[in-house]
């Protein structure tokens, strides 16, 4: 398994960011343009 970390600033409301990050299955939508592939294995 490979992990790449990248820090970046995002201009959005905290509430909107929390909603996007709360659902681990929506990572591809939350990070569109940066994340090219994601999958959830087993129960999260």
Protein backbone atom coordinates (compact mmCIF):
# COMPACT_ATOMS: atom_id res chain seq x y z
CA UNK A 1 0.00 0.00 0.00
CA UNK A 2 1.30 3.43 -0.93
CA UNK A 3 0.47 6.65 0.89
CA UNK A 4 1.11 10.09 -0.52
CA UNK A 5 0.42 13.15 1.63
CA UNK A 6 -0.03 16.63 0.22
CA UNK A 7 -1.03 19.73 2.17
CA UNK A 8 -3.11 22.34 0.39
CA UNK A 9 -5.46 25.17 1.29
CA UNK A 10 -9.10 25.03 0.27
CA UNK A 11 -11.40 28.02 0.38
CA UNK A 12 -14.72 26.64 1.66
CA UNK A 13 -16.91 26.84 4.73
CA UNK A 14 -15.95 24.53 7.61
CA UNK A 15 -19.43 22.96 7.59
CA UNK A 16 -19.14 22.05 3.90
CA UNK A 17 -15.68 20.54 4.42
CA UNK A 18 -16.86 18.46 7.40
CA UNK A 19 -19.79 17.05 5.42
CA UNK A 20 -17.47 16.05 2.57
CA UNK A 21 -14.91 14.43 4.88
CA UNK A 22 -17.43 12.66 7.12
CA UNK A 23 -18.30 10.05 4.43
CA UNK A 24 -15.22 7.96 3.60
CA UNK A 25 -16.88 6.57 0.48
CA UNK A 26 -17.08 10.05 -1.10
CA UNK A 27 -13.32 10.66 -1.20
CA UNK A 28 -13.21 10.63 -5.01
CA UNK A 29 -15.84 13.41 -5.14
CA UNK A 30 -14.29 15.42 -2.31
CA UNK A 31 -10.84 15.35 -3.91
CA UNK A 32 -11.75 15.34 -7.61
CA UNK A 33 -8.80 16.48 -9.70
CA UNK A 34 -6.29 15.27 -7.11
CA UNK A 35 -7.48 11.77 -6.24
CA UNK A 36 -7.72 9.55 -9.29
CA UNK A 37 -8.87 6.28 -7.70
CA UNK A 38 -10.19 5.20 -4.32
CA UNK A 39 -11.95 2.18 -2.88
CA UNK A 40 -13.18 1.12 0.54
CA UNK A 41 -12.24 -2.35 1.68
CA UNK A 42 -14.21 -4.14 4.38
CA UNK A 43 -16.40 -2.25 6.83
CA UNK A 44 -15.44 1.35 7.61
